[in-house]
Amino acid sequence: MTAGGRPSDAPGGPADTGDRGERGGLRTALAGLTTRGRSFFAAGVAAAVCAYVLGQSDLLRVGLLLAVLPLVCSAVLYRTRYRVAGSRRLSPARVPAGSEARVHLRMENVSRLPTGLLMLQDRVPYVLGPRPRFVLDRVEAGGRREVSYRVRSDLRGRYPLGPLQLRLTDPFGMCELTRSFSTYDTLTVVPRVEALPAVRLTGEAKGYGDGRHRSLALAGEDDIIPRGYRYGDDLRRVHWRSTARYGELMVRREEQPQRSRCTVLLDTRAVAYQGAGPDSAFEWAVSGTASTLVHMLERGFSVRLLTDTGNSLPGEGADGFAGASQESADAAGLMMDTLAVIDHSDGAGLSPAYDVLRGGNEGLLVAFIGDLDEEQATVVAKMRQRSGAAVAFVLDGDAWLRGAGAPPSARAADRLRLLREAGWTAVAVPPGVPLVDLWRQADHLRTGVGAAPAASRGPMAGGTGGWS
């Protein structure tokens, strides 16, 4: 990701040489006087006044020298015209929260004159760290300088970088002028993603799961309908009955592999979460959603992200599900970019999401849900369809406020019991427990095989329902 800028005259004076431009430019140059320049000018004026009052001609010469020097430096610096090109490159442009990205800056002197001492600084949001500043020595004509700095954020989001600013100073340090390039870049900080273990999911492989949960694979794989012969087709696949019927050579297309579907539901209601910050319950839910999306795509599922507002990604194409290969990679990037900036919704209910889900057979459903009252718990219970599997990770806001090790509230236990009676594999999410442990716990609740993870031991560990 590269962006560049080339001011017409940077960082010299403006191109307008009219009277108004001259007056405006002179004010700009005088405003660029440093503390040293202002001190010299004030001392010179004071010395000149004292020399006039006292009749000391030698002191008057010193005063004039002190007062004129900053003005001459400002005029020379203002009239100096450099042509400098700047570029910025992010590596990478999309990083998980808590990871570092490196920003590479490159300055090139495209004029015929060498530059003086330059100060380069880039404007970054405060959450990414302090504003980087670099001092560049004299850059020869046609020369270039490259510098880099690192940025890091524990908060997901999209952060603008820029504009790049170049500060020119005179050799005496009397005046500084700043010019900005017009280009920006954007650093996208996506949620943290945990690598999840492989468990037996609905329809994850040929011969397993309910075929009704599957959709046709994307183009490029065979399907069951005969088609016209193409150069290079195997003659052993010629379908003679269709050839006789259509009067042209037809070949068989083998049964098309089916692709399992998965919908990941994220509850973003503001009333469902308490607290804020990178360690809050809502941020855990967003991170868990991102981890599940990536895991399912890697397992070959067609995946869709759904929120409580009824909005879904990647879109309406292919029934709103992401497919395979390149489309899957593009959809994963789109969903991660969406999760990078997702925020609380103003809605109070999950009915819009239920309306989307009840419109068809969605296969596997994985939900990350905040606090539920009795009415919303009933709505979530109805999302569990008879022909599909459903797993819910339910966050107890009161327990998250109390911190790690806090026991679950009685209300949260009642909500989990209701979901399990409706056929959900419902898992309580205590504060501080990794999603990997809860993922294994869900598999244990389904199969009953192996020792229960530590996170599952307690009054909320039991349950019914399953992945398939």
Protein backbone atom coordinates (compact mmCIF):
# COMPACT_ATOMS: atom_id res chain seq x y z
CA MET A 1 0.00 0.00 0.00
CA THR A 2 1.76 3.07 -1.22
CA ALA A 3 0.68 6.67 -1.30
CA GLY A 4 2.58 9.65 -2.49
CA GLY A 5 2.36 13.36 -2.81
CA ARG A 6 4.22 15.98 -4.80
CA PRO A 7 3.48 19.57 -3.87
CA SER A 8 4.14 22.05 -6.63
CA ASP A 9 6.61 23.97 -4.49
CA ALA A 10 7.32 22.21 -1.21
CA PRO A 11 8.19 23.45 1.24
CA GLY A 12 8.98 26.80 -0.38
CA GLY A 13 6.69 29.76 -0.93
CA PRO A 14 3.33 29.73 -2.65
CA ALA A 15 3.00 29.88 -6.42
CA ASP A 16 0.86 33.04 -6.22
CA THR A 17 3.17 36.07 -6.53
CA GLY A 18 0.50 38.77 -6.44
CA ASP A 19 0.37 41.47 -3.79
CA ARG A 20 -2.16 39.64 -1.69
CA GLY A 21 -0.15 36.44 -1.95
CA GLU A 22 3.03 38.28 -1.00
CA ARG A 23 1.41 39.80 2.06
CA GLY A 24 -0.10 36.46 3.07
CA GLY A 25 3.20 34.71 2.44
CA LEU A 26 5.11 37.30 4.48
CA ARG A 27 2.76 36.77 7.40
CA THR A 28 3.25 33.01 7.06
CA ALA A 29 7.02 33.42 7.06
CA LEU A 30 6.97 35.69 10.12
CA ALA A 31 4.63 33.29 11.90
CA GLY A 32 7.27 30.60 11.37
CA LEU A 33 9.82 32.38 13.53
CA THR A 34 11.14 30.10 16.24
CA THR A 35 11.67 31.09 19.87
CA ARG A 36 15.26 31.89 19.01
CA GLY A 37 14.22 34.05 16.07
CA ARG A 38 11.62 35.94 18.13
CA SER A 39 14.17 36.47 20.91
CA PHE A 40 16.74 37.86 18.47
CA PHE A 41 14.17 40.20 16.94
CA ALA A 42 12.96 41.44 20.35
CA ALA A 43 16.51 41.94 21.58
CA GLY A 44 17.42 43.84 18.43
CA VAL A 45 14.44 46.17 18.70
CA ALA A 46 15.15 46.81 22.37
CA ALA A 47 18.82 47.50 21.65
CA ALA A 48 17.92 49.86 18.81
CA VAL A 49 15.51 51.82 21.02
CA CYS A 50 18.09 52.10 23.80
CA ALA A 51 20.77 53.18 21.32
CA TYR A 52 18.48 55.91 19.96
CA VAL A 53 17.66 57.17 23.45
CA LEU A 54 21.26 57.02 24.65
CA GLY A 55 22.79 58.18 21.38
CA GLN A 56 25.04 55.11 21.06
CA SER A 57 25.64 54.41 17.37
CA ASP A 58 27.58 51.18 17.98
CA LEU A 59 24.71 49.73 20.03
CA LEU A 60 22.35 50.76 17.23
CA ARG A 61 24.33 48.71 14.71
CA VAL A 62 24.19 45.66 17.00
CA GLY A 63 20.47 46.14 17.52
CA LEU A 64 19.79 46.37 13.79
CA LEU A 65 21.85 43.24 13.16
CA LEU A 66 19.93 41.29 15.78
CA ALA A 67 16.55 42.48 14.47
CA VAL A 68 17.30 42.02 10.76
CA LEU A 69 18.87 38.55 10.99
CA PRO A 70 15.60 36.65 11.75
CA LEU A 71 13.79 38.62 9.04
CA VAL A 72 16.44 37.83 6.45
CA CYS A 73 16.40 34.15 7.41
CA SER A 74 12.59 34.09 7.07
CA ALA A 75 12.69 35.79 3.65
CA VAL A 76 15.40 33.48 2.31
CA LEU A 77 13.65 30.39 3.63
CA TYR A 78 10.33 31.53 2.23
CA ARG A 79 11.83 32.17 -1.20
CA THR A 80 13.61 28.82 -1.29
CA ARG A 81 11.72 26.49 -3.59
CA TYR A 82 12.27 22.76 -3.33
CA ARG A 83 10.42 20.05 -5.16
CA VAL A 84 10.13 17.07 -2.87
CA ALA A 85 8.13 13.90 -3.43
CA GLY A 86 6.98 11.81 -0.48
CA SER A 87 5.51 8.33 -0.20
CA ARG A 88 4.28 6.06 2.57
CA ARG A 89 4.02 2.27 2.64
CA LEU A 90 2.35 0.14 5.31
CA SER A 91 3.60 -3.34 6.08
CA PRO A 92 1.06 -4.82 6.53
CA ALA A 93 -1.99 -2.62 6.01
CA ARG A 94 -4.24 -4.92 8.10
CA VAL A 95 -3.02 -6.19 11.49
CA PRO A 96 -4.69 -7.89 14.47
CA ALA A 97 -5.18 -5.88 17.64
CA GLY A 98 -2.05 -5.90 19.75
CA SER A 99 0.27 -6.50 16.79
CA GLU A 100 2.69 -4.05 15.24
CA ALA A 101 2.79 -2.62 11.73
CA ARG A 102 5.73 -0.82 10.19
CA VAL A 103 5.32 2.41 8.26
CA HIS A 104 7.99 3.19 5.67
CA LEU A 105 8.47 6.82 4.61
CA ARG A 106 10.45 7.87 1.58
CA MET A 107 11.43 11.38 0.59
CA GLU A 108 12.92 12.21 -2.79
CA ASN A 109 14.41 15.52 -3.88
CA VAL A 110 13.25 15.97 -7.48
CA SER A 111 14.64 19.49 -7.88
CA ARG A 112 18.04 20.54 -9.14
CA LEU A 113 19.05 22.12 -5.86
CA PRO A 114 20.12 20.34 -2.68
CA THR A 115 17.90 20.81 0.33
CA GLY A 116 18.85 22.11 3.72
CA LEU A 117 18.10 20.47 7.02
CA LEU A 118 14.63 18.90 6.91
CA MET A 119 12.39 17.64 9.68
CA LEU A 120 9.90 14.96 8.61
CA GLN A 121 6.90 14.08 10.73
CA ASP A 122 3.84 11.96 10.16
CA ARG A 123 0.51 12.55 11.81
CA VAL A 124 -0.91 9.47 13.53
CA PRO A 125 -3.81 8.99 16.00
CA TYR A 126 -2.72 9.01 19.61
CA VAL A 127 -3.83 5.37 20.12
CA LEU A 128 -1.10 4.26 17.71
CA GLY A 129 1.68 5.90 19.68
CA PRO A 130 3.61 9.19 19.70
CA ARG A 131 3.94 11.27 16.56
CA PRO A 132 7.10 10.15 14.71
CA ARG A 133 9.66 12.82 13.84
CA PHE A 134 12.85 12.44 11.82
CA VAL A 135 15.65 14.89 11.07
CA LEU A 136 17.04 14.53 7.55
CA ASP A 137 20.40 15.95 6.64
CA ARG A 138 21.04 17.72 3.38
CA VAL A 139 19.46 15.81 0.49
CA GLU A 140 21.36 16.15 -2.76
CA ALA A 141 19.64 16.85 -6.07
CA GLY A 142 17.89 13.65 -7.17
CA GLY A 143 18.67 12.01 -3.83
CA ARG A 144 16.32 10.16 -1.52
CA ARG A 145 16.01 9.27 2.12
CA GLU A 146 14.06 6.41 3.70
CA VAL A 147 12.97 6.10 7.32
CA SER A 148 10.46 3.89 9.12
CA TYR A 149 8.58 3.67 12.38
CA ARG A 150 6.28 1.21 14.10
CA VAL A 151 2.66 1.61 15.19
CA ARG A 152 0.60 -0.57 17.50
CA SER A 153 -2.93 -0.50 18.83
CA ASP A 154 -4.80 -2.69 21.31
CA LEU A 155 -8.07 -1.26 20.02
CA ARG A 156 -9.49 -2.42 16.72
CA GLY A 157 -10.56 0.18 14.18
CA ARG A 158 -9.52 2.05 11.07
CA TYR A 159 -6.88 4.68 11.72
CA PRO A 160 -5.84 7.37 9.20
CA LEU A 161 -2.14 8.03 8.79
CA GLY A 162 -1.17 11.42 7.47
CA PRO A 163 -0.79 13.90 6.16
CA LEU A 164 2.97 13.72 5.92
CA GLN A 165 4.51 17.00 6.99
CA LEU A 166 7.88 18.43 6.02
CA ARG A 167 9.49 21.15 8.11
CA LEU A 168 12.28 23.29 6.68
CA THR A 169 14.58 25.35 8.89
CA ASP A 170 17.39 27.79 8.23
CA PRO A 171 20.99 27.08 9.37
CA PHE A 172 20.66 29.51 12.31
CA GLY A 173 17.38 28.01 13.57
CA MET A 174 15.61 31.35 13.31
CA CYS A 175 12.62 30.22 11.24
CA GLU A 176 10.71 27.02 10.50
CA LEU A 177 8.19 26.51 7.71
CA THR A 178 5.92 23.48 7.46
CA ARG A 179 4.29 22.06 4.34
CA SER A 180 1.93 19.10 4.22
CA PHE A 181 1.36 16.50 1.55
CA SER A 182 -2.22 15.76 0.66
CA THR A 183 -2.22 11.95 0.79
CA TYR A 184 -3.47 9.69 3.54
CA ASP A 185 -3.23 5.98 4.27
CA THR A 186 -5.43 3.85 6.48
CA LEU A 187 -4.28 1.21 8.93
CA THR A 188 -6.95 -1.37 9.70
CA VAL A 189 -6.68 -3.05 13.10
CA VAL A 190 -8.86 -6.18 13.07
CA PRO A 191 -9.91 -8.27 16.08
CA ARG A 192 -7.57 -10.89 17.48
CA VAL A 193 -8.03 -14.33 15.98
CA GLU A 194 -7.46 -17.54 17.93
CA ALA A 195 -6.60 -20.77 16.14
CA LEU A 196 -9.44 -23.15 17.01
CA PRO A 197 -9.08 -26.93 17.28
CA ALA A 198 -10.73 -29.22 14.76
CA VAL A 199 -13.97 -30.75 16.01
CA ARG A 200 -16.64 -32.77 14.22
CA LEU A 201 -18.98 -30.22 12.64
CA THR A 202 -22.17 -30.67 10.69
CA GLY A 203 -21.45 -31.76 7.12
CA GLU A 204 -17.80 -30.93 7.29
CA ALA A 205 -16.74 -33.75 4.97
CA LYS A 206 -18.24 -35.89 2.22
CA GLY A 207 -20.40 -38.64 3.61
CA TYR A 208 -21.03 -36.90 6.93
CA GLY A 209 -23.77 -34.65 8.15
CA ASP A 210 -27.16 -33.84 6.73
CA GLY A 211 -26.98 -33.18 3.01
CA ARG A 212 -29.85 -30.74 3.28
CA HIS A 213 -27.45 -28.34 4.95
CA ARG A 214 -25.24 -28.19 1.90
CA SER A 215 -25.20 -25.86 -1.07
CA LEU A 216 -23.70 -26.37 -4.51
CA ALA A 217 -20.02 -25.63 -4.73
CA LEU A 218 -18.72 -22.71 -6.74
CA ALA A 219 -17.91 -22.70 -10.42
CA GLY A 220 -14.91 -24.74 -11.47
CA GLU A 221 -16.14 -28.01 -9.90
CA ASP A 222 -18.22 -30.65 -11.64
CA ASP A 223 -21.99 -30.88 -11.25
CA ILE A 224 -24.56 -33.48 -12.15
CA ILE A 225 -26.09 -31.99 -15.36
CA PRO A 226 -24.70 -33.19 -18.76
CA ARG A 227 -23.07 -30.51 -20.90
CA GLY A 228 -21.71 -30.13 -24.39
CA TYR A 229 -18.40 -31.71 -25.29
CA ARG A 230 -15.33 -29.47 -24.99
CA TYR A 231 -11.92 -29.99 -26.45
CA GLY A 232 -9.86 -32.05 -24.03
CA ASP A 233 -12.80 -33.81 -22.32
CA ASP A 234 -12.33 -37.51 -21.59
CA LEU A 235 -14.26 -39.55 -24.16
CA ARG A 236 -15.11 -42.06 -21.45
CA ARG A 237 -17.43 -39.43 -19.99
CA VAL A 238 -19.56 -39.15 -23.13
CA HIS A 239 -23.24 -39.48 -22.23
CA TRP A 240 -24.64 -41.31 -25.27
CA ARG A 241 -28.30 -41.00 -24.34
CA SER A 242 -28.05 -37.22 -24.10
CA THR A 243 -25.95 -37.17 -27.29
CA ALA A 244 -28.75 -38.95 -29.17
CA ARG A 245 -31.36 -36.68 -27.64
CA TYR A 246 -29.66 -33.34 -28.40
CA GLY A 247 -27.97 -34.32 -31.63
CA GLU A 248 -24.52 -33.25 -30.41
CA LEU A 249 -21.80 -34.82 -28.34
CA MET A 250 -22.60 -34.50 -24.59
CA VAL A 251 -20.46 -35.47 -21.63
CA ARG A 252 -21.32 -36.35 -18.04
CA ARG A 253 -20.46 -34.04 -15.23
CA GLU A 254 -19.82 -35.88 -12.02
CA GLU A 255 -21.84 -35.19 -8.90
CA GLN A 256 -20.92 -31.77 -7.66
CA PRO A 257 -19.43 -31.66 -4.16
CA GLN A 258 -21.62 -29.92 -1.66
CA ARG A 259 -20.44 -27.18 0.66
CA SER A 260 -21.64 -26.94 4.24
CA ARG A 261 -23.06 -23.64 5.39
CA CYS A 262 -22.40 -21.78 8.60
CA THR A 263 -23.93 -18.56 9.92
CA VAL A 264 -22.05 -16.72 12.66
CA LEU A 265 -24.36 -14.44 14.65
CA LEU A 266 -22.91 -11.53 16.64
CA ASP A 267 -25.08 -9.78 19.19
CA THR A 268 -24.08 -6.10 19.17
CA ARG A 269 -26.86 -4.66 21.32
CA ALA A 270 -25.57 -2.01 23.69
CA VAL A 271 -27.98 -3.19 26.40
CA ALA A 272 -26.46 -6.68 26.26
CA TYR A 273 -22.93 -5.71 27.36
CA GLN A 274 -21.37 -3.82 30.22
CA GLY A 275 -17.97 -2.23 30.40
CA ALA A 276 -15.63 -1.05 27.67
CA GLY A 277 -12.04 -1.44 26.55
CA PRO A 278 -9.98 -4.21 24.98
CA ASP A 279 -10.79 -6.63 27.83
CA SER A 280 -14.54 -6.05 27.84
CA ALA A 281 -17.17 -8.67 27.13
CA PHE A 282 -18.12 -7.08 23.81
CA GLU A 283 -14.54 -7.14 22.55
CA TRP A 284 -14.32 -10.82 23.51
CA ALA A 285 -17.47 -11.51 21.50
CA VAL A 286 -16.09 -9.67 18.46
CA SER A 287 -12.80 -11.56 18.70
CA GLY A 288 -14.65 -14.85 19.07
CA THR A 289 -16.75 -14.06 16.01
CA ALA A 290 -13.64 -13.32 13.95
CA SER A 291 -11.96 -16.54 15.11
CA THR A 292 -15.01 -18.60 14.21
CA LEU A 293 -15.34 -17.02 10.77
CA VAL A 294 -11.71 -17.70 9.91
CA HIS A 295 -11.88 -21.24 11.27
CA MET A 296 -15.00 -22.12 9.30
CA LEU A 297 -13.62 -20.71 6.08
CA GLU A 298 -10.47 -22.74 6.55
CA ARG A 299 -12.60 -25.85 7.02
CA GLY A 300 -14.29 -25.28 3.66
CA PHE A 301 -17.63 -23.93 4.90
CA SER A 302 -19.65 -21.29 3.11
CA VAL A 303 -19.84 -18.64 5.81
CA ARG A 304 -22.02 -15.65 6.52
CA LEU A 305 -21.72 -13.00 9.24
CA LEU A 306 -25.04 -11.90 10.72
CA THR A 307 -25.71 -9.25 13.37
CA ASP A 308 -28.68 -8.63 15.61
CA THR A 309 -29.82 -5.85 13.26
CA GLY A 310 -30.38 -8.38 10.46
CA ASN A 311 -27.44 -7.16 8.36
CA SER A 312 -25.34 -9.89 6.83
CA LEU A 313 -22.01 -10.17 5.06
CA PRO A 314 -20.57 -10.79 2.52
CA GLY A 315 -23.88 -9.91 0.83
CA GLU A 316 -26.83 -11.23 -1.06
CA GLY A 317 -24.87 -13.06 -3.75
CA ALA A 318 -24.85 -16.85 -3.40
CA ASP A 319 -27.56 -16.59 -0.72
CA GLY A 320 -25.35 -14.28 1.26
CA PHE A 321 -22.67 -16.89 1.95
CA ALA A 322 -18.99 -16.71 1.13
CA GLY A 323 -17.82 -19.48 -1.14
CA ALA A 324 -14.42 -20.99 -1.72
CA SER A 325 -10.95 -20.08 -3.01
CA GLN A 326 -10.56 -16.44 -4.04
CA GLU A 327 -14.13 -15.47 -3.17
CA SER A 328 -13.63 -16.92 0.28
CA ALA A 329 -10.44 -14.90 0.81
CA ASP A 330 -12.13 -11.70 -0.35
CA ALA A 331 -15.14 -12.35 1.86
CA ALA A 332 -12.90 -13.04 4.84
CA GLY A 333 -11.16 -9.69 4.33
CA LEU A 334 -14.52 -7.94 4.00
CA MET A 335 -15.88 -9.50 7.17
CA MET A 336 -12.70 -8.76 9.12
CA ASP A 337 -12.79 -5.14 7.95
CA THR A 338 -16.40 -4.96 9.11
CA LEU A 339 -15.54 -6.41 12.51
CA ALA A 340 -12.70 -3.90 12.81
CA VAL A 341 -15.18 -1.02 13.03
CA ILE A 342 -18.32 -2.70 14.33
CA ASP A 343 -19.88 -1.03 17.33
CA HIS A 344 -22.89 -1.38 19.58
CA SER A 345 -26.30 -1.16 17.95
CA ASP A 346 -29.21 0.82 19.37
CA GLY A 347 -31.60 -2.11 19.04
CA ALA A 348 -33.07 -3.83 22.06
CA GLY A 349 -34.03 -7.15 20.47
CA LEU A 350 -32.81 -9.99 18.26
CA SER A 351 -35.97 -10.27 16.18
CA PRO A 352 -34.39 -8.87 12.97
CA ALA A 353 -31.78 -11.63 13.06
CA TYR A 354 -34.46 -14.23 13.73
CA ASP A 355 -36.44 -13.00 10.71
CA VAL A 356 -33.38 -13.58 8.51
CA LEU A 357 -32.67 -17.03 9.92
CA ARG A 358 -36.20 -18.37 9.71
CA GLY A 359 -36.31 -17.64 5.98
CA GLY A 360 -34.30 -20.74 5.06
CA ASN A 361 -32.17 -23.64 6.17
CA GLU A 362 -28.88 -22.11 7.27
CA GLY A 363 -26.98 -25.24 8.36
CA LEU A 364 -24.66 -24.68 11.33
CA LEU A 365 -25.39 -21.64 13.48
CA VAL A 366 -22.76 -20.26 15.88
CA ALA A 367 -23.89 -17.32 18.02
CA PHE A 368 -22.06 -14.95 20.37
CA ILE A 369 -24.71 -13.45 22.60
CA GLY A 370 -24.67 -10.94 25.44
CA ASP A 371 -27.10 -10.64 28.35
CA LEU A 372 -30.60 -11.94 27.61
CA ASP A 373 -33.86 -11.12 29.26
CA GLU A 374 -36.68 -13.65 29.18
CA GLU A 375 -38.19 -12.30 25.97
CA GLN A 376 -34.92 -12.28 24.02
CA ALA A 377 -33.96 -15.70 25.34
CA THR A 378 -37.21 -17.02 23.84
CA VAL A 379 -36.35 -15.40 20.50
CA VAL A 380 -32.88 -17.00 20.50
CA ALA A 381 -34.40 -20.37 21.41
CA LYS A 382 -36.61 -20.21 18.32
CA MET A 383 -33.56 -19.64 16.09
CA ARG A 384 -32.57 -23.24 16.65
CA GLN A 385 -34.01 -25.06 13.63
CA ARG A 386 -34.75 -28.75 13.70
CA SER A 387 -32.61 -29.50 10.65
CA GLY A 388 -29.57 -27.48 11.72
CA ALA A 389 -27.07 -27.48 14.57
CA ALA A 390 -26.69 -24.46 16.82
CA VAL A 391 -23.99 -23.42 19.29
CA ALA A 392 -24.31 -20.38 21.54
CA PHE A 393 -21.57 -18.69 23.55
CA VAL A 394 -23.44 -16.63 26.13
CA LEU A 395 -21.65 -13.85 28.05
CA ASP A 396 -22.80 -12.94 31.52
CA GLY A 397 -22.32 -9.20 31.89
CA ASP A 398 -22.48 -9.24 35.70
CA ALA A 399 -19.74 -11.88 35.92
CA TRP A 400 -17.53 -9.92 33.52
CA LEU A 401 -17.86 -6.82 35.66
CA ARG A 402 -16.82 -8.77 38.76
CA GLY A 403 -13.73 -10.12 37.01
CA ALA A 404 -12.07 -13.49 36.54
CA GLY A 405 -13.30 -16.26 38.80
CA ALA A 406 -16.68 -14.62 39.44
CA PRO A 407 -19.54 -17.16 39.69
CA PRO A 408 -22.32 -16.93 37.10
CA SER A 409 -25.54 -15.20 38.00
CA ALA A 410 -28.74 -17.16 38.52
CA ARG A 411 -30.37 -15.34 35.62
CA ALA A 412 -27.61 -16.41 33.23
CA ALA A 413 -28.01 -20.02 34.35
CA ASP A 414 -31.75 -19.87 33.65
CA ARG A 415 -31.12 -18.48 30.16
CA LEU A 416 -28.65 -21.25 29.38
CA ARG A 417 -31.12 -23.87 30.56
CA LEU A 418 -33.80 -22.44 28.27
CA LEU A 419 -31.49 -22.51 25.24
CA ARG A 420 -30.39 -26.08 25.96
CA GLU A 421 -33.98 -27.23 26.24
CA ALA A 422 -34.56 -25.74 22.77
CA GLY A 423 -31.70 -27.83 21.34
CA TRP A 424 -28.82 -25.38 21.51
CA THR A 425 -25.34 -26.35 22.61
CA ALA A 426 -25.16 -23.42 25.02
CA VAL A 427 -21.85 -22.55 26.66
CA ALA A 428 -21.35 -19.94 29.37
CA VAL A 429 -18.44 -17.54 28.78
CA PRO A 430 -16.72 -16.62 32.05
CA PRO A 431 -14.26 -13.71 32.02
CA GLY A 432 -10.69 -14.57 31.17
CA VAL A 433 -11.35 -17.97 29.55
CA PRO A 434 -9.90 -18.43 26.02
CA LEU A 435 -12.25 -19.31 23.20
CA VAL A 436 -10.18 -22.44 22.51
CA ASP A 437 -11.22 -23.96 25.85
CA LEU A 438 -14.86 -23.07 25.30
CA TRP A 439 -14.71 -24.50 21.77
CA ARG A 440 -13.55 -27.83 23.21
CA GLN A 441 -16.19 -27.59 25.90
CA ALA A 442 -18.91 -27.27 23.25
CA ASP A 443 -17.60 -30.40 21.56
CA HIS A 444 -17.55 -32.20 24.91
CA LEU A 445 -21.16 -31.21 25.59
CA ARG A 446 -22.12 -32.65 22.22
CA THR A 447 -20.24 -35.92 22.30
CA GLY A 448 -19.54 -36.51 25.99
CA VAL A 449 -16.14 -37.87 24.93
CA GLY A 450 -12.96 -36.92 26.80
CA ALA A 451 -12.46 -34.93 29.95
CA ALA A 452 -14.41 -31.74 30.29
CA PRO A 453 -12.24 -28.62 29.95
CA ALA A 454 -11.61 -26.63 33.10
CA ALA A 455 -13.90 -23.88 31.86
CA SER A 456 -16.82 -26.32 31.71
CA ARG A 457 -16.65 -27.54 35.32
CA GLY A 458 -19.24 -25.91 37.50
CA PRO A 459 -22.98 -25.44 37.85
CA MET A 460 -23.38 -24.39 34.20
CA ALA A 461 -21.43 -27.24 32.61
CA GLY A 462 -24.25 -29.60 31.82
CA GLY A 463 -26.48 -29.37 28.78
CA THR A 464 -27.98 -30.99 25.75
CA GLY A 465 -27.85 -30.32 22.09
CA GLY A 466 -24.86 -30.60 19.78
CA TRP A 467 -22.97 -29.60 16.71
CA SER A 468 -24.64 -32.17 14.48
